[in-house]
Amino acid sequence: MVRPVELQDVLAKTQAAERITQLQKASPENDQRQSLLIAGQKASEAQHKATPTVHPDEVILHRNTEEEKKKKKEKKGDKAHKEGTDENAGNTPPPKDEEPPLPPPVLDITV
């Protein structure tokens, strides 16, 4: 016959083994539940959080930088030309008052 101590030890081991197997079976389910809870929390936070507005219809105007550089060079040339006319006043004709018409400004529109 089986001794009572051995029987009690075997019963205690079987209960622990059953608990371990139950926990192992339930572990993937618990992981899935936990991941679903986290995903639900993130989704609710995303709904309550305000998203920054994007202005796709905003128009940005830029001047043509090459034309600006040319104008600056012309102005610098005019100043140097005026300074040089003091010495050679009779040799060079005076500059014209009329400037040539400027091309229309360039518009960069981003959509």
N, C-alpha and C. Protein backbone atom coordinates (compact mmCIF):
# COMPACT_ATOMS: atom_id res chain seq x y z
N MET A 1 0.81 -1.16 0.00
CA MET A 1 0.00 0.00 0.00
C MET A 1 0.88 1.26 0.00
N VAL A 2 0.25 2.38 -0.37
CA VAL A 2 0.98 3.64 -0.49
C VAL A 2 1.01 4.31 0.86
N ARG A 3 2.11 4.86 1.16
CA ARG A 3 2.26 5.58 2.42
C ARG A 3 1.53 6.92 2.35
N PRO A 4 1.01 7.41 3.41
CA PRO A 4 0.27 8.68 3.38
C PRO A 4 1.16 9.87 3.02
N VAL A 5 2.39 9.85 3.39
CA VAL A 5 3.28 10.98 3.07
C VAL A 5 3.51 11.03 1.57
N GLU A 6 3.73 9.88 0.95
CA GLU A 6 3.95 9.85 -0.49
C GLU A 6 2.69 10.27 -1.24
N LEU A 7 1.54 9.81 -0.77
CA LEU A 7 0.27 10.18 -1.40
C LEU A 7 0.06 11.69 -1.32
N GLN A 8 0.32 12.26 -0.18
CA GLN A 8 0.16 13.70 -0.01
C GLN A 8 1.14 14.45 -0.91
N ASP A 9 2.35 13.97 -1.02
CA ASP A 9 3.37 14.59 -1.87
C ASP A 9 2.96 14.52 -3.33
N VAL A 10 2.47 13.39 -3.76
CA VAL A 10 2.03 13.21 -5.15
C VAL A 10 0.85 14.14 -5.45
N LEU A 11 -0.10 14.22 -4.56
CA LEU A 11 -1.27 15.09 -4.77
C LEU A 11 -0.83 16.57 -4.82
N ALA A 12 0.10 16.95 -3.99
CA ALA A 12 0.58 18.33 -4.00
C ALA A 12 1.30 18.64 -5.31
N LYS A 13 2.06 17.69 -5.79
CA LYS A 13 2.78 17.89 -7.05
C LYS A 13 1.82 17.95 -8.23
N THR A 14 0.77 17.14 -8.22
CA THR A 14 -0.17 17.15 -9.34
C THR A 14 -0.94 18.46 -9.38
N GLN A 15 -1.30 19.00 -8.23
CA GLN A 15 -2.00 20.28 -8.22
C GLN A 15 -1.10 21.39 -8.76
N ALA A 16 0.16 21.38 -8.37
CA ALA A 16 1.09 22.40 -8.87
C ALA A 16 1.32 22.22 -10.37
N ALA A 17 1.44 20.98 -10.81
CA ALA A 17 1.64 20.71 -12.23
C ALA A 17 0.43 21.15 -13.04
N GLU A 18 -0.77 20.91 -12.50
CA GLU A 18 -1.99 21.35 -13.19
C GLU A 18 -2.05 22.87 -13.28
N ARG A 19 -1.68 23.54 -12.22
CA ARG A 19 -1.68 25.01 -12.25
C ARG A 19 -0.70 25.53 -13.28
N ILE A 20 0.47 24.90 -13.34
CA ILE A 20 1.48 25.33 -14.31
C ILE A 20 0.96 25.14 -15.73
N THR A 21 0.36 24.01 -16.01
CA THR A 21 -0.16 23.78 -17.36
C THR A 21 -1.30 24.73 -17.68
N GLN A 22 -2.14 25.02 -16.70
CA GLN A 22 -3.22 25.99 -16.94
C GLN A 22 -2.66 27.37 -17.23
N LEU A 23 -1.66 27.77 -16.47
CA LEU A 23 -1.05 29.07 -16.70
C LEU A 23 -0.36 29.13 -18.06
N GLN A 24 0.27 28.04 -18.46
CA GLN A 24 0.93 28.01 -19.76
C GLN A 24 -0.09 28.09 -20.89
N LYS A 25 -1.23 27.45 -20.70
CA LYS A 25 -2.28 27.52 -21.71
C LYS A 25 -2.89 28.92 -21.77
N ALA A 26 -3.03 29.54 -20.61
CA ALA A 26 -3.67 30.85 -20.54
C ALA A 26 -2.70 32.00 -20.89
N SER A 27 -1.43 31.74 -20.89
CA SER A 27 -0.45 32.79 -21.12
C SER A 27 -0.62 33.48 -22.48
N PRO A 28 -0.76 32.77 -23.60
CA PRO A 28 -0.97 33.46 -24.88
C PRO A 28 -2.26 34.28 -24.90
N GLU A 29 -3.29 33.75 -24.26
CA GLU A 29 -4.56 34.48 -24.20
C GLU A 29 -4.40 35.76 -23.39
N ASN A 30 -3.66 35.69 -22.29
CA ASN A 30 -3.42 36.88 -21.47
C ASN A 30 -2.59 37.91 -22.23
N ASP A 31 -1.60 37.42 -22.96
CA ASP A 31 -0.77 38.33 -23.75
C ASP A 31 -1.61 39.04 -24.80
N GLN A 32 -2.50 38.27 -25.43
CA GLN A 32 -3.35 38.86 -26.46
C GLN A 32 -4.30 39.89 -25.84
N ARG A 33 -4.87 39.58 -24.71
CA ARG A 33 -5.76 40.53 -24.03
C ARG A 33 -5.00 41.81 -23.66
N GLN A 34 -3.81 41.63 -23.15
CA GLN A 34 -3.00 42.78 -22.76
C GLN A 34 -2.67 43.65 -23.97
N SER A 35 -2.30 43.03 -25.09
CA SER A 35 -1.98 43.81 -26.28
C SER A 35 -3.21 44.52 -26.82
N LEU A 36 -4.38 43.87 -26.74
CA LEU A 36 -5.61 44.53 -27.17
C LEU A 36 -5.96 45.72 -26.28
N LEU A 37 -5.73 45.60 -24.98
CA LEU A 37 -5.98 46.72 -24.07
C LEU A 37 -5.06 47.90 -24.38
N ILE A 38 -3.79 47.59 -24.62
CA ILE A 38 -2.84 48.66 -24.93
C ILE A 38 -3.21 49.34 -26.25
N ALA A 39 -3.58 48.54 -27.25
CA ALA A 39 -3.97 49.11 -28.54
C ALA A 39 -5.22 49.97 -28.40
N GLY A 40 -6.17 49.53 -27.59
CA GLY A 40 -7.38 50.32 -27.36
C GLY A 40 -7.08 51.64 -26.66
N GLN A 41 -6.17 51.60 -25.70
CA GLN A 41 -5.78 52.83 -25.00
C GLN A 41 -5.10 53.82 -25.96
N LYS A 42 -4.22 53.30 -26.80
CA LYS A 42 -3.54 54.18 -27.76
C LYS A 42 -4.53 54.77 -28.75
N ALA A 43 -5.51 53.98 -29.18
CA ALA A 43 -6.51 54.48 -30.12
C ALA A 43 -7.36 55.57 -29.48
N SER A 44 -7.74 55.38 -28.23
CA SER A 44 -8.55 56.41 -27.56
C SER A 44 -7.74 57.68 -27.32
N GLU A 45 -6.46 57.54 -27.01
CA GLU A 45 -5.60 58.72 -26.85
C GLU A 45 -5.45 59.46 -28.17
N ALA A 46 -5.33 58.71 -29.26
CA ALA A 46 -5.19 59.34 -30.58
C ALA A 46 -6.45 60.10 -30.96
N GLN A 47 -7.62 59.60 -30.54
CA GLN A 47 -8.87 60.29 -30.85
C GLN A 47 -8.97 61.61 -30.09
N HIS A 48 -8.49 61.63 -28.87
CA HIS A 48 -8.62 62.82 -28.04
C HIS A 48 -7.51 63.84 -28.32
N LYS A 49 -6.44 63.40 -28.94
CA LYS A 49 -5.33 64.30 -29.21
C LYS A 49 -5.61 65.08 -30.48
N ALA A 50 -5.37 66.36 -30.45
CA ALA A 50 -5.60 67.21 -31.62
C ALA A 50 -4.43 67.06 -32.59
N THR A 51 -4.76 66.92 -33.86
CA THR A 51 -3.72 66.81 -34.87
C THR A 51 -3.37 68.20 -35.39
N PRO A 52 -2.12 68.45 -35.68
CA PRO A 52 -1.75 69.76 -36.19
C PRO A 52 -2.34 69.98 -37.58
N THR A 53 -2.78 71.20 -37.82
CA THR A 53 -3.40 71.49 -39.10
C THR A 53 -2.35 71.71 -40.16
N VAL A 54 -2.66 71.25 -41.34
CA VAL A 54 -1.78 71.42 -42.48
C VAL A 54 -2.47 72.36 -43.44
N HIS A 55 -1.75 73.31 -43.97
CA HIS A 55 -2.33 74.30 -44.87
C HIS A 55 -1.91 73.99 -46.32
N PRO A 56 -2.61 73.08 -46.98
CA PRO A 56 -2.20 72.74 -48.35
C PRO A 56 -2.52 73.85 -49.34
N ASP A 57 -3.46 74.73 -49.01
CA ASP A 57 -3.82 75.78 -49.93
C ASP A 57 -3.02 77.07 -49.69
N GLU A 58 -2.02 77.00 -48.85
CA GLU A 58 -1.21 78.17 -48.55
C GLU A 58 -0.29 78.48 -49.74
N VAL A 59 -0.25 79.73 -50.12
CA VAL A 59 0.56 80.16 -51.24
C VAL A 59 1.80 80.85 -50.69
N ILE A 60 2.94 80.44 -51.19
CA ILE A 60 4.20 81.04 -50.77
C ILE A 60 4.77 81.78 -51.97
N LEU A 61 5.00 83.07 -51.79
CA LEU A 61 5.53 83.90 -52.86
C LEU A 61 7.02 84.11 -52.66
N HIS A 62 7.78 83.87 -53.72
CA HIS A 62 9.22 84.06 -53.68
C HIS A 62 9.61 84.95 -54.85
N ARG A 63 10.54 85.83 -54.60
CA ARG A 63 11.10 86.60 -55.69
C ARG A 63 12.19 85.80 -56.34
N ASN A 64 12.46 86.14 -57.58
CA ASN A 64 13.53 85.47 -58.29
C ASN A 64 14.85 86.05 -57.78
N THR A 65 15.66 85.23 -57.15
CA THR A 65 16.89 85.71 -56.53
C THR A 65 17.90 86.16 -57.57
N GLU A 66 17.89 85.55 -58.74
CA GLU A 66 18.84 85.95 -59.78
C GLU A 66 18.56 87.39 -60.23
N GLU A 67 17.29 87.73 -60.36
CA GLU A 67 16.95 89.08 -60.76
C GLU A 67 17.36 90.09 -59.68
N GLU A 68 17.20 89.71 -58.43
CA GLU A 68 17.61 90.60 -57.34
C GLU A 68 19.11 90.82 -57.37
N LYS A 69 19.88 89.77 -57.63
CA LYS A 69 21.33 89.90 -57.70
C LYS A 69 21.73 90.83 -58.85
N LYS A 70 21.05 90.69 -59.98
CA LYS A 70 21.35 91.55 -61.13
C LYS A 70 21.06 93.01 -60.78
N LYS A 71 19.94 93.27 -60.11
CA LYS A 71 19.59 94.63 -59.73
C LYS A 71 20.64 95.21 -58.79
N LYS A 72 21.11 94.41 -57.83
CA LYS A 72 22.12 94.89 -56.89
C LYS A 72 23.41 95.22 -57.63
N LYS A 73 23.79 94.36 -58.58
CA LYS A 73 25.01 94.62 -59.35
C LYS A 73 24.86 95.89 -60.17
N GLU A 74 23.68 96.09 -60.76
CA GLU A 74 23.44 97.30 -61.54
C GLU A 74 23.53 98.54 -60.66
N LYS A 75 22.96 98.47 -59.45
CA LYS A 75 23.01 99.61 -58.54
C LYS A 75 24.45 99.90 -58.13
N LYS A 76 25.22 98.85 -57.86
CA LYS A 76 26.62 99.04 -57.50
C LYS A 76 27.38 99.62 -58.68
N GLY A 77 27.07 99.14 -59.87
CA GLY A 77 27.72 99.66 -61.07
C GLY A 77 27.36 101.12 -61.31
N ASP A 78 26.11 101.51 -61.05
CA ASP A 78 25.68 102.90 -61.20
C ASP A 78 26.43 103.80 -60.21
N LYS A 79 26.62 103.34 -58.97
CA LYS A 79 27.33 104.13 -57.98
C LYS A 79 28.79 104.31 -58.40
N ALA A 80 29.40 103.23 -58.85
CA ALA A 80 30.79 103.32 -59.30
C ALA A 80 30.87 104.20 -60.54
N HIS A 81 29.90 104.12 -61.39
CA HIS A 81 29.87 104.91 -62.62
C HIS A 81 29.72 106.39 -62.29
N LYS A 82 28.89 106.72 -61.31
CA LYS A 82 28.70 108.11 -60.90
C LYS A 82 29.97 108.68 -60.28
N GLU A 83 30.66 107.87 -59.48
CA GLU A 83 31.91 108.33 -58.87
C GLU A 83 32.97 108.57 -59.93
N GLY A 84 32.97 107.76 -60.96
CA GLY A 84 33.94 107.91 -62.04
C GLY A 84 33.63 109.08 -62.94
N THR A 85 32.43 109.58 -62.97
CA THR A 85 32.04 110.68 -63.86
C THR A 85 32.58 112.01 -63.39
N ASP A 86 32.97 112.12 -62.14
CA ASP A 86 33.53 113.38 -61.65
C ASP A 86 34.83 113.70 -62.39
N GLU A 87 35.65 112.70 -62.62
CA GLU A 87 36.93 112.91 -63.30
C GLU A 87 36.72 113.08 -64.81
N ASN A 88 35.83 112.27 -65.38
CA ASN A 88 35.62 112.28 -66.82
C ASN A 88 34.21 112.75 -67.14
N ALA A 89 33.86 113.92 -66.72
CA ALA A 89 32.50 114.43 -66.89
C ALA A 89 32.16 114.65 -68.35
N GLY A 90 33.09 115.07 -69.17
CA GLY A 90 32.79 115.35 -70.56
C GLY A 90 32.87 114.13 -71.46
N ASN A 91 33.51 113.05 -71.06
CA ASN A 91 33.74 111.90 -71.92
C ASN A 91 32.56 110.93 -71.97
N THR A 92 31.79 110.79 -70.90
CA THR A 92 30.72 109.79 -70.87
C THR A 92 29.36 110.48 -70.90
N PRO A 93 28.40 109.87 -71.58
CA PRO A 93 27.05 110.45 -71.60
C PRO A 93 26.36 110.21 -70.26
N PRO A 94 25.46 111.09 -69.86
CA PRO A 94 24.74 110.89 -68.58
C PRO A 94 23.82 109.67 -68.69
N PRO A 95 23.57 108.97 -67.56
CA PRO A 95 22.69 107.80 -67.60
C PRO A 95 21.24 108.22 -67.89
N LYS A 96 20.52 107.32 -68.54
CA LYS A 96 19.12 107.58 -68.88
C LYS A 96 18.26 107.51 -67.63
N ASP A 97 17.22 108.32 -67.56
CA ASP A 97 16.31 108.31 -66.42
C ASP A 97 15.39 107.09 -66.46
N GLU A 98 15.10 106.59 -67.63
CA GLU A 98 14.18 105.47 -67.77
C GLU A 98 14.93 104.15 -67.61
N GLU A 99 14.37 103.29 -66.81
CA GLU A 99 14.94 101.95 -66.65
C GLU A 99 14.15 100.98 -67.53
N PRO A 100 14.78 99.94 -68.01
CA PRO A 100 14.03 98.97 -68.83
C PRO A 100 12.95 98.30 -67.98
N PRO A 101 11.84 97.92 -68.59
CA PRO A 101 10.77 97.28 -67.80
C PRO A 101 11.26 95.94 -67.23
N LEU A 102 10.85 95.69 -66.00
CA LEU A 102 11.23 94.45 -65.32
C LEU A 102 10.28 93.33 -65.70
N PRO A 103 10.78 92.09 -65.78
CA PRO A 103 9.88 90.97 -66.05
C PRO A 103 8.95 90.75 -64.85
N PRO A 104 7.82 90.11 -65.08
CA PRO A 104 6.89 89.89 -63.96
C PRO A 104 7.52 88.99 -62.91
N PRO A 105 7.12 89.17 -61.65
CA PRO A 105 7.69 88.32 -60.58
C PRO A 105 7.27 86.87 -60.76
N VAL A 106 8.11 85.99 -60.27
CA VAL A 106 7.87 84.54 -60.36
C VAL A 106 7.14 84.10 -59.10
N LEU A 107 6.07 83.32 -59.27
CA LEU A 107 5.30 82.80 -58.14
C LEU A 107 5.56 81.31 -58.00
N ASP A 108 6.02 80.90 -56.84
CA ASP A 108 6.19 79.47 -56.54
C ASP A 108 4.99 79.05 -55.69
N ILE A 109 4.17 78.17 -56.22
CA ILE A 109 2.99 77.71 -55.49
C ILE A 109 3.18 76.24 -55.17
N THR A 110 3.12 75.92 -53.91
CA THR A 110 3.25 74.52 -53.50
C THR A 110 1.87 74.00 -53.11
N VAL A 111 1.58 72.80 -53.55
CA VAL A 111 0.28 72.19 -53.26
C VAL A 111 0.50 70.88 -52.57
